[in-house]
Amino acid sequence: AAPITAAAPAGADEPEGDYCVAYALTAAEIEAGAFTEVECYATPEEIPQGRSADIDLAIIYDGTGGGSPSTVLRAASCTGAKFAFSSTDWWNDKISSTDLVSCGSAKHYVSATYTGTHELVTTSAVFNFTTVNNLISSIEYAP
């Protein structure tokens, strides 16, 4: 199935698909100031498995306690995996909870440049944000 693009102006309706996937930015993309592209699907079964070396790092959720809409974040490893959402992406400033699947920790930043105010997550259970709830613009993972 063809992906439904989640990128939309701020204040736009939810993505048409409740199950989304995004891949970590490469070092060159980060250097160039690129943003994460999110693709959404109607069912979890439609999400492509991606590149064979990729693993699921975490799941981010719009609501507290998990639930949909959600996005699976993928990369080859947790080491240095980064995601940044543009100010016009629907997911920017929408993340309320996360579930670390493969990584030991993740910093969730208010800025899209992986700096400044952030909240560190180190639990493998669904974690509800407090300090950065609905303010997250970038994420950096570690093993």
N, C-alpha and C. Protein backbone atom coordinates (compact mmCIF):
# COMPACT_ATOMS: atom_id res chain seq x y z
N ALA A 1 0.84 -1.18 0.00
CA ALA A 1 0.00 0.00 0.00
C ALA A 1 0.88 1.24 0.00
N ALA A 2 0.42 2.27 -0.66
CA ALA A 2 1.18 3.52 -0.71
C ALA A 2 1.05 4.25 0.61
N PRO A 3 2.14 4.88 1.06
CA PRO A 3 2.09 5.59 2.34
C PRO A 3 1.23 6.83 2.24
N ILE A 4 0.71 7.23 3.39
CA ILE A 4 -0.03 8.48 3.50
C ILE A 4 0.93 9.44 4.18
N THR A 5 1.23 10.56 3.57
CA THR A 5 2.20 11.48 4.13
C THR A 5 1.64 12.15 5.38
N ALA A 6 2.42 12.13 6.46
CA ALA A 6 1.99 12.73 7.72
C ALA A 6 2.34 14.20 7.82
N ALA A 7 3.30 14.67 7.01
CA ALA A 7 3.70 16.06 7.10
C ALA A 7 2.54 16.96 6.71
N ALA A 8 2.20 17.89 7.58
CA ALA A 8 1.09 18.79 7.34
C ALA A 8 1.33 20.06 8.14
N PRO A 9 0.70 21.16 7.74
CA PRO A 9 0.88 22.39 8.49
C PRO A 9 0.44 22.23 9.94
N ALA A 10 1.06 23.01 10.84
CA ALA A 10 0.69 22.96 12.26
C ALA A 10 -0.81 23.20 12.39
N GLY A 11 -1.44 22.45 13.29
CA GLY A 11 -2.87 22.59 13.49
C GLY A 11 -3.68 21.75 12.54
N ALA A 12 -3.03 21.01 11.67
CA ALA A 12 -3.75 20.17 10.71
C ALA A 12 -4.38 18.98 11.42
N ASP A 13 -5.30 18.32 10.73
CA ASP A 13 -5.92 17.12 11.28
C ASP A 13 -4.88 16.02 11.43
N GLU A 14 -5.23 15.00 12.20
CA GLU A 14 -4.35 13.85 12.39
C GLU A 14 -4.03 13.21 11.05
N PRO A 15 -2.87 12.51 10.97
CA PRO A 15 -2.57 11.77 9.75
C PRO A 15 -3.71 10.79 9.45
N GLU A 16 -3.92 10.50 8.16
CA GLU A 16 -5.01 9.61 7.78
C GLU A 16 -4.80 8.20 8.29
N GLY A 17 -3.56 7.77 8.45
CA GLY A 17 -3.27 6.45 9.00
C GLY A 17 -2.82 6.57 10.43
N ASP A 18 -3.26 5.67 11.28
CA ASP A 18 -2.90 5.71 12.70
C ASP A 18 -1.55 5.05 12.99
N TYR A 19 -0.98 4.34 12.03
CA TYR A 19 0.26 3.60 12.26
C TYR A 19 1.35 4.14 11.34
N CYS A 20 2.34 4.77 11.96
CA CYS A 20 3.35 5.47 11.18
C CYS A 20 4.74 4.91 11.45
N VAL A 21 5.67 5.17 10.51
CA VAL A 21 7.06 4.73 10.64
C VAL A 21 7.97 5.87 10.18
N ALA A 22 9.13 5.98 10.85
CA ALA A 22 10.14 6.97 10.46
C ALA A 22 11.51 6.35 10.67
N TYR A 23 12.46 6.73 9.82
CA TYR A 23 13.82 6.21 9.90
C TYR A 23 14.76 7.31 10.37
N ALA A 24 15.78 6.94 11.15
CA ALA A 24 16.74 7.90 11.67
C ALA A 24 17.42 8.65 10.54
N LEU A 25 17.76 9.89 10.82
CA LEU A 25 18.48 10.71 9.86
C LEU A 25 19.93 10.25 9.78
N THR A 26 20.52 10.36 8.60
CA THR A 26 21.94 10.05 8.44
C THR A 26 22.76 11.25 8.94
N ALA A 27 24.04 11.04 9.17
CA ALA A 27 24.92 12.13 9.61
C ALA A 27 24.89 13.28 8.60
N ALA A 28 24.89 12.96 7.31
CA ALA A 28 24.85 13.99 6.27
C ALA A 28 23.53 14.76 6.32
N GLU A 29 22.43 14.06 6.56
CA GLU A 29 21.12 14.73 6.66
C GLU A 29 21.07 15.66 7.87
N ILE A 30 21.63 15.20 8.98
CA ILE A 30 21.65 16.04 10.19
C ILE A 30 22.48 17.28 9.93
N GLU A 31 23.66 17.11 9.33
CA GLU A 31 24.55 18.23 9.01
C GLU A 31 23.86 19.24 8.09
N ALA A 32 23.04 18.74 7.18
CA ALA A 32 22.34 19.61 6.23
C ALA A 32 21.07 20.23 6.82
N GLY A 33 20.72 19.84 8.05
CA GLY A 33 19.52 20.39 8.68
C GLY A 33 18.23 19.75 8.22
N ALA A 34 18.32 18.53 7.72
CA ALA A 34 17.13 17.82 7.23
C ALA A 34 16.23 17.41 8.39
N PHE A 35 14.98 17.12 8.06
CA PHE A 35 14.01 16.66 9.05
C PHE A 35 13.55 15.25 8.73
N THR A 36 13.09 14.56 9.74
CA THR A 36 12.59 13.20 9.63
C THR A 36 11.32 13.18 8.78
N GLU A 37 11.23 12.18 7.91
CA GLU A 37 10.02 11.98 7.12
C GLU A 37 9.22 10.85 7.76
N VAL A 38 7.94 11.10 7.98
CA VAL A 38 7.05 10.12 8.61
C VAL A 38 6.03 9.66 7.58
N GLU A 39 5.87 8.34 7.46
CA GLU A 39 4.87 7.77 6.56
C GLU A 39 3.86 7.00 7.40
N CYS A 40 2.58 7.17 7.10
CA CYS A 40 1.52 6.55 7.90
C CYS A 40 0.66 5.60 7.07
N TYR A 41 0.10 4.60 7.76
CA TYR A 41 -0.68 3.54 7.14
C TYR A 41 -1.94 3.28 7.96
N ALA A 42 -2.91 2.68 7.33
CA ALA A 42 -4.20 2.42 7.98
C ALA A 42 -4.12 1.31 9.03
N THR A 43 -3.26 0.31 8.81
CA THR A 43 -3.14 -0.79 9.77
C THR A 43 -1.66 -1.07 10.04
N PRO A 44 -1.32 -1.68 11.18
CA PRO A 44 0.09 -1.97 11.46
C PRO A 44 0.69 -2.98 10.47
N GLU A 45 -0.14 -3.83 9.91
CA GLU A 45 0.34 -4.83 8.96
C GLU A 45 0.86 -4.19 7.66
N GLU A 46 0.42 -2.98 7.35
CA GLU A 46 0.83 -2.30 6.13
C GLU A 46 2.20 -1.63 6.26
N ILE A 47 2.71 -1.46 7.47
CA ILE A 47 4.00 -0.79 7.66
C ILE A 47 5.09 -1.67 7.04
N PRO A 48 5.89 -1.12 6.13
CA PRO A 48 6.96 -1.91 5.53
C PRO A 48 7.99 -2.32 6.58
N GLN A 49 8.62 -3.44 6.39
CA GLN A 49 9.63 -3.90 7.32
C GLN A 49 10.90 -3.07 7.21
N GLY A 50 11.08 -2.34 6.13
CA GLY A 50 12.22 -1.45 5.99
C GLY A 50 13.47 -2.19 5.59
N ARG A 51 14.60 -1.54 5.82
CA ARG A 51 15.89 -2.12 5.47
C ARG A 51 16.17 -3.28 6.40
N SER A 52 16.79 -4.31 5.91
CA SER A 52 16.99 -5.54 6.69
C SER A 52 17.80 -5.31 7.96
N ALA A 53 18.69 -4.31 7.97
CA ALA A 53 19.52 -4.07 9.15
C ALA A 53 18.82 -3.22 10.21
N ASP A 54 17.68 -2.64 9.88
CA ASP A 54 17.01 -1.75 10.82
C ASP A 54 16.29 -2.50 11.93
N ILE A 55 16.27 -1.86 13.10
CA ILE A 55 15.53 -2.38 14.25
C ILE A 55 14.56 -1.31 14.72
N ASP A 56 13.53 -1.72 15.43
CA ASP A 56 12.61 -0.77 16.04
C ASP A 56 13.28 -0.22 17.29
N LEU A 57 13.51 1.10 17.33
CA LEU A 57 14.14 1.72 18.49
C LEU A 57 13.12 2.03 19.56
N ALA A 58 12.00 2.61 19.14
CA ALA A 58 10.98 3.06 20.08
C ALA A 58 9.69 3.33 19.33
N ILE A 59 8.66 3.56 20.11
CA ILE A 59 7.38 3.99 19.56
C ILE A 59 7.03 5.30 20.25
N ILE A 60 6.63 6.31 19.47
CA ILE A 60 6.17 7.56 20.06
C ILE A 60 4.66 7.65 19.86
N TYR A 61 3.98 8.29 20.82
CA TYR A 61 2.52 8.36 20.81
C TYR A 61 2.04 9.80 20.98
N ASP A 62 0.92 10.09 20.36
CA ASP A 62 0.29 11.40 20.50
C ASP A 62 -0.35 11.54 21.89
N GLY A 63 -0.88 10.48 22.44
CA GLY A 63 -1.56 10.54 23.72
C GLY A 63 -0.74 9.98 24.86
N THR A 64 -1.14 10.27 26.09
CA THR A 64 -0.48 9.69 27.25
C THR A 64 -0.86 8.22 27.35
N GLY A 65 0.05 7.42 27.91
CA GLY A 65 -0.22 6.00 28.12
C GLY A 65 -0.16 5.17 26.85
N GLY A 66 0.40 5.69 25.78
CA GLY A 66 0.46 4.96 24.51
C GLY A 66 -0.83 5.16 23.73
N GLY A 67 -1.08 4.30 22.77
CA GLY A 67 -2.28 4.40 21.95
C GLY A 67 -1.97 5.02 20.61
N SER A 68 -2.98 5.27 19.81
CA SER A 68 -2.75 5.81 18.49
C SER A 68 -3.27 7.24 18.41
N PRO A 69 -2.79 8.03 17.46
CA PRO A 69 -1.79 7.65 16.48
C PRO A 69 -0.42 7.43 17.10
N SER A 70 0.38 6.62 16.41
CA SER A 70 1.71 6.30 16.90
C SER A 70 2.68 6.24 15.72
N THR A 71 3.96 6.31 16.05
CA THR A 71 5.00 6.17 15.04
C THR A 71 6.09 5.26 15.58
N VAL A 72 6.48 4.27 14.78
CA VAL A 72 7.61 3.41 15.10
C VAL A 72 8.85 4.09 14.54
N LEU A 73 9.86 4.27 15.39
CA LEU A 73 11.12 4.89 14.96
C LEU A 73 12.15 3.79 14.74
N ARG A 74 12.80 3.80 13.58
CA ARG A 74 13.73 2.73 13.20
C ARG A 74 15.10 3.27 12.82
N ALA A 75 16.13 2.42 13.05
CA ALA A 75 17.50 2.74 12.65
C ALA A 75 18.31 1.45 12.70
N ALA A 76 19.55 1.51 12.21
CA ALA A 76 20.43 0.35 12.25
C ALA A 76 20.84 0.00 13.67
N SER A 77 20.95 1.02 14.54
CA SER A 77 21.28 0.79 15.95
C SER A 77 20.84 2.00 16.75
N CYS A 78 20.90 1.87 18.06
CA CYS A 78 20.54 2.98 18.95
C CYS A 78 21.62 4.05 18.99
N THR A 79 22.85 3.66 18.75
CA THR A 79 23.98 4.58 18.87
C THR A 79 23.86 5.75 17.90
N GLY A 80 23.66 6.93 18.45
CA GLY A 80 23.59 8.13 17.64
C GLY A 80 22.37 8.30 16.77
N ALA A 81 21.37 7.47 16.93
CA ALA A 81 20.15 7.58 16.11
C ALA A 81 19.41 8.86 16.49
N LYS A 82 19.12 9.68 15.47
CA LYS A 82 18.47 10.96 15.71
C LYS A 82 17.29 11.17 14.78
N PHE A 83 16.28 11.86 15.33
CA PHE A 83 15.07 12.20 14.60
C PHE A 83 14.74 13.65 14.91
N ALA A 84 14.36 14.43 13.90
CA ALA A 84 13.96 15.82 14.11
C ALA A 84 12.71 16.11 13.28
N PHE A 85 11.75 16.80 13.90
CA PHE A 85 10.50 17.11 13.23
C PHE A 85 10.45 18.59 12.89
N SER A 86 10.08 18.90 11.65
CA SER A 86 9.98 20.30 11.24
C SER A 86 8.79 20.94 11.93
N SER A 87 8.79 22.26 11.96
CA SER A 87 7.69 22.97 12.62
C SER A 87 6.37 22.77 11.91
N THR A 88 6.39 22.31 10.66
CA THR A 88 5.15 22.08 9.91
C THR A 88 4.73 20.61 9.91
N ASP A 89 5.52 19.74 10.51
CA ASP A 89 5.18 18.31 10.57
C ASP A 89 4.12 18.10 11.65
N TRP A 90 3.13 17.29 11.36
CA TRP A 90 2.06 17.04 12.32
C TRP A 90 2.61 16.54 13.65
N TRP A 91 3.68 15.74 13.64
CA TRP A 91 4.22 15.16 14.88
C TRP A 91 4.97 16.16 15.74
N ASN A 92 5.40 17.27 15.18
CA ASN A 92 6.11 18.27 15.98
C ASN A 92 5.20 18.80 17.09
N ASP A 93 5.70 18.79 18.30
CA ASP A 93 4.96 19.29 19.48
C ASP A 93 3.68 18.49 19.75
N LYS A 94 3.66 17.21 19.38
CA LYS A 94 2.48 16.37 19.62
C LYS A 94 2.78 15.17 20.52
N ILE A 95 4.06 14.84 20.74
CA ILE A 95 4.41 13.60 21.44
C ILE A 95 4.15 13.73 22.94
N SER A 96 3.34 12.80 23.46
CA SER A 96 3.00 12.79 24.88
C SER A 96 3.57 11.60 25.63
N SER A 97 3.88 10.50 24.91
CA SER A 97 4.43 9.31 25.57
C SER A 97 5.28 8.53 24.58
N THR A 98 6.12 7.63 25.14
CA THR A 98 6.99 6.81 24.31
C THR A 98 7.20 5.46 24.97
N ASP A 99 7.65 4.51 24.18
CA ASP A 99 7.99 3.18 24.68
C ASP A 99 9.31 2.79 24.02
N LEU A 100 10.38 2.73 24.81
CA LEU A 100 11.68 2.31 24.28
C LEU A 100 11.62 0.82 23.99
N VAL A 101 11.88 0.42 22.76
CA VAL A 101 11.80 -0.98 22.36
C VAL A 101 13.18 -1.63 22.42
N SER A 102 14.19 -0.97 21.86
CA SER A 102 15.53 -1.56 21.78
C SER A 102 16.62 -0.72 22.44
N CYS A 103 16.35 0.50 22.77
CA CYS A 103 17.39 1.41 23.27
C CYS A 103 17.32 1.55 24.79
N GLY A 104 18.49 1.84 25.38
CA GLY A 104 18.57 2.01 26.82
C GLY A 104 18.14 3.39 27.29
N SER A 105 18.27 4.39 26.41
CA SER A 105 17.88 5.74 26.79
C SER A 105 17.59 6.59 25.57
N ALA A 106 16.88 7.68 25.81
CA ALA A 106 16.57 8.63 24.75
C ALA A 106 16.33 9.99 25.36
N LYS A 107 16.94 11.01 24.74
CA LYS A 107 16.70 12.39 25.14
C LYS A 107 15.70 12.99 24.16
N HIS A 108 14.64 13.58 24.70
CA HIS A 108 13.58 14.20 23.90
C HIS A 108 13.67 15.70 24.11
N TYR A 109 14.02 16.43 23.04
CA TYR A 109 14.31 17.86 23.12
C TYR A 109 13.15 18.72 22.63
N VAL A 110 13.05 19.92 23.20
CA VAL A 110 12.09 20.91 22.75
C VAL A 110 12.55 21.51 21.43
N SER A 111 13.85 21.68 21.23
CA SER A 111 14.36 22.25 19.98
C SER A 111 14.56 21.15 18.94
N ALA A 112 14.60 21.55 17.68
CA ALA A 112 14.83 20.59 16.59
C ALA A 112 16.32 20.36 16.36
N THR A 113 17.17 20.94 17.21
CA THR A 113 18.63 20.84 17.03
C THR A 113 19.31 20.02 18.13
N TYR A 114 18.56 19.21 18.85
CA TYR A 114 19.11 18.30 19.86
C TYR A 114 19.85 19.05 20.96
N THR A 115 19.36 20.22 21.33
CA THR A 115 19.98 21.03 22.38
C THR A 115 18.90 21.60 23.28
N GLY A 116 19.33 22.07 24.45
CA GLY A 116 18.44 22.78 25.36
C GLY A 116 17.55 21.87 26.19
N THR A 117 16.38 22.37 26.53
CA THR A 117 15.45 21.67 27.41
C THR A 117 15.10 20.31 26.84
N HIS A 118 15.23 19.29 27.69
CA HIS A 118 14.92 17.92 27.25
C HIS A 118 14.47 17.08 28.44
N GLU A 119 13.95 15.92 28.12
CA GLU A 119 13.56 14.94 29.14
C GLU A 119 14.21 13.61 28.75
N LEU A 120 14.92 13.00 29.70
CA LEU A 120 15.61 11.74 29.48
C LEU A 120 14.69 10.58 29.87
N VAL A 121 14.58 9.60 28.96
CA VAL A 121 13.79 8.40 29.22
C VAL A 121 14.74 7.22 29.29
N THR A 122 14.61 6.41 30.35
CA THR A 122 15.47 5.24 30.52
C THR A 122 14.68 3.99 30.88
N THR A 123 13.39 4.01 30.71
CA THR A 123 12.55 2.88 31.06
C THR A 123 12.04 2.20 29.80
N SER A 124 11.82 0.88 29.86
CA SER A 124 11.31 0.16 28.70
C SER A 124 9.78 0.05 28.71
N ALA A 125 9.14 0.63 29.70
CA ALA A 125 7.68 0.67 29.75
C ALA A 125 7.20 1.97 29.12
N VAL A 126 5.92 2.07 28.83
CA VAL A 126 5.39 3.33 28.29
C VAL A 126 5.67 4.44 29.29
N PHE A 127 6.26 5.51 28.81
CA PHE A 127 6.65 6.66 29.64
C PHE A 127 5.86 7.88 29.20
N ASN A 128 5.20 8.54 30.16
CA ASN A 128 4.45 9.76 29.88
C ASN A 128 5.33 10.97 30.19
N PHE A 129 5.45 11.88 29.22
CA PHE A 129 6.28 13.06 29.41
C PHE A 129 5.61 14.07 30.34
N THR A 130 6.44 14.81 31.04
CA THR A 130 5.95 15.90 31.90
C THR A 130 6.55 17.21 31.42
N THR A 131 7.86 17.38 31.57
CA THR A 131 8.55 18.63 31.23
C THR A 131 8.39 19.00 29.77
N VAL A 132 8.48 18.03 28.87
CA VAL A 132 8.45 18.31 27.43
C VAL A 132 7.18 17.79 26.75
N ASN A 133 6.17 17.46 27.52
CA ASN A 133 4.93 16.94 26.95
C ASN A 133 4.38 17.90 25.89
N ASN A 134 4.12 17.37 24.71
CA ASN A 134 3.60 18.14 23.57
C ASN A 134 4.50 19.30 23.15
N LEU A 135 5.81 19.16 23.42
CA LEU A 135 6.78 20.19 23.02
C LEU A 135 7.97 19.60 22.26
N ILE A 136 7.99 18.30 22.03
CA ILE A 136 9.17 17.61 21.47
C ILE A 136 9.33 17.88 19.98
N SER A 137 10.58 18.30 19.62
CA SER A 137 10.91 18.54 18.22
C SER A 137 12.06 17.67 17.72
N SER A 138 12.86 17.08 18.64
CA SER A 138 13.91 16.17 18.22
C SER A 138 14.17 15.12 19.30
N ILE A 139 14.73 13.99 18.86
CA ILE A 139 15.01 12.86 19.76
C ILE A 139 16.36 12.27 19.42
N GLU A 140 17.13 11.92 20.46
CA GLU A 140 18.44 11.29 20.28
C GLU A 140 18.49 10.04 21.14
N TYR A 141 18.81 8.89 20.52
CA TYR A 141 18.83 7.60 21.21
C TYR A 141 20.25 7.15 21.55
N ALA A 142 20.36 6.31 22.57
CA ALA A 142 21.63 5.71 22.97
C ALA A 142 21.37 4.27 23.40
N PRO A 143 22.40 3.41 23.30
CA PRO A 143 22.22 2.00 23.68
C PRO A 143 21.84 1.82 25.15
